[in-house]
Protein backbone atom coordinates (compact mmCIF):
# COMPACT_ATOMS: atom_id res chain seq x y z
CA MET A 1 -16.13 -7.26 9.76
CA ARG A 2 -13.23 -8.30 7.89
CA ARG A 3 -13.14 -9.22 4.32
CA ARG A 4 -10.46 -11.16 2.80
CA ILE A 5 -9.67 -10.25 -0.79
CA CYS A 6 -6.58 -11.11 -1.36
CA GLU A 7 -5.91 -15.05 -1.39
CA CYS A 8 -2.91 -17.20 -2.14
CA GLY A 9 -2.23 -18.38 -5.40
CA THR A 10 -4.66 -15.73 -7.16
CA LYS A 11 -3.41 -13.00 -9.12
CA GLN A 12 -5.11 -10.07 -7.11
CA ASN A 13 -2.36 -7.62 -5.59
CA TYR A 14 -4.33 -5.74 -2.94
CA ALA A 15 -5.82 -7.06 0.50
CA VAL A 16 -8.46 -4.93 2.55
CA PHE A 17 -9.32 -5.34 6.26
CA ALA A 18 -11.80 -3.03 7.89
CA ASP A 19 -9.96 0.06 7.34
CA ASP A 20 -6.75 -1.40 6.30
CA LEU A 21 -5.28 -1.54 2.79
CA THR A 22 -2.22 -3.18 1.23
CA LEU A 23 -1.27 -2.76 -2.06
CA LEU A 24 1.22 -5.31 -3.76
CA SER A 25 3.50 -4.25 -6.77
CA HIS A 26 5.94 -5.81 -8.89
CA SER A 27 7.79 -2.83 -9.52
CA VAL A 28 8.17 0.77 -7.77
CA ASN A 29 6.35 2.09 -10.84
CA ASP A 30 3.40 0.15 -10.60
CA MET A 31 3.38 1.11 -6.82
CA LEU A 32 2.93 5.01 -7.79
CA VAL A 33 0.34 4.12 -10.46
CA LYS A 34 -1.83 2.11 -7.80
CA THR A 35 -0.86 4.48 -4.90
CA GLN A 36 -1.72 7.78 -7.06
CA ASP A 37 -4.93 5.77 -8.40
CA LEU A 38 -6.11 5.01 -4.42
CA GLU A 39 -5.68 8.54 -3.64
CA ALA A 40 -8.02 9.56 -6.79
CA SER A 41 -10.55 7.09 -5.89
CA ALA A 42 -10.94 7.87 -2.55
CA ALA A 43 -10.93 11.94 -3.29
CA LEU A 44 -14.09 10.90 -5.16
CA THR A 45 -15.90 9.54 -2.04
CA GLY A 46 -14.88 12.21 0.35
CA LEU A 47 -12.16 10.21 2.31
CA GLN A 48 -8.19 11.12 2.61
CA ILE A 49 -5.56 8.68 3.12
CA ASN A 50 -3.58 9.18 6.02
CA LYS A 51 -0.02 10.10 5.35
CA ASP A 52 1.65 9.35 8.63
CA LYS A 53 -0.07 6.10 9.26
CA THR A 54 0.76 5.24 5.55
CA LYS A 55 4.45 3.52 5.43
CA ILE A 56 6.21 1.45 2.24
CA MET A 57 8.40 -1.51 2.16
CA LYS A 58 10.65 -2.44 -0.77
CA VAL A 59 11.24 -6.12 -1.07
CA LYS A 60 14.19 -7.46 -3.34
CA THR A 61 14.56 -3.99 -5.29
CA ASP A 62 17.49 -1.59 -5.26
CA SER A 63 15.43 1.18 -6.41
CA SER A 64 15.57 4.25 -4.22
CA GLN A 65 12.63 6.12 -6.06
CA ALA A 66 10.47 7.40 -3.78
CA VAL A 67 6.64 6.66 -3.76
CA THR A 68 4.36 9.53 -2.67
CA LEU A 69 1.11 10.37 -1.45
CA ALA A 70 -0.29 14.04 -1.54
CA ASN A 71 2.86 14.81 -3.37
CA ASP A 72 4.85 14.12 -0.09
CA SER A 73 7.35 10.54 -0.03
CA ILE A 74 6.13 8.07 1.78
CA ASP A 75 7.99 6.72 4.76
CA GLU A 76 9.79 3.52 4.33
CA VAL A 77 10.06 0.83 6.59
CA GLN A 78 12.02 -2.25 6.93
CA GLU A 79 9.48 -4.62 8.85
CA PHE A 80 5.71 -4.28 9.54
CA THR A 81 3.03 -5.90 11.90
CA TYR A 82 -0.38 -6.09 9.53
CA LEU A 83 -3.19 -7.98 11.34
CA GLU A 84 -0.89 -9.53 13.97
CA VAL A 85 1.68 -10.80 11.09
CA TRP A 86 5.17 -9.60 11.29
CA TRP A 87 6.77 -9.21 7.77
CA MET A 88 10.07 -8.32 7.05
């Protein structure tokens, strides 16, 4: 089952499709907060985020600040495929 939450032209900043999630932020600090909130919310329901499958892509920023999950840096990528759409 696919449920589209993020639609063009809205102010929503996340998209959920089955077991995939994309977080969008305007700053690295915002992404840190969202990642921490997601990790805490998942823990409340007994879920864990798979760090090995979690990636971050920074666009239009020179920030070298790491985004973490379970106190480890998330791997950064320059491109990725999400629901058969290639992002770069």
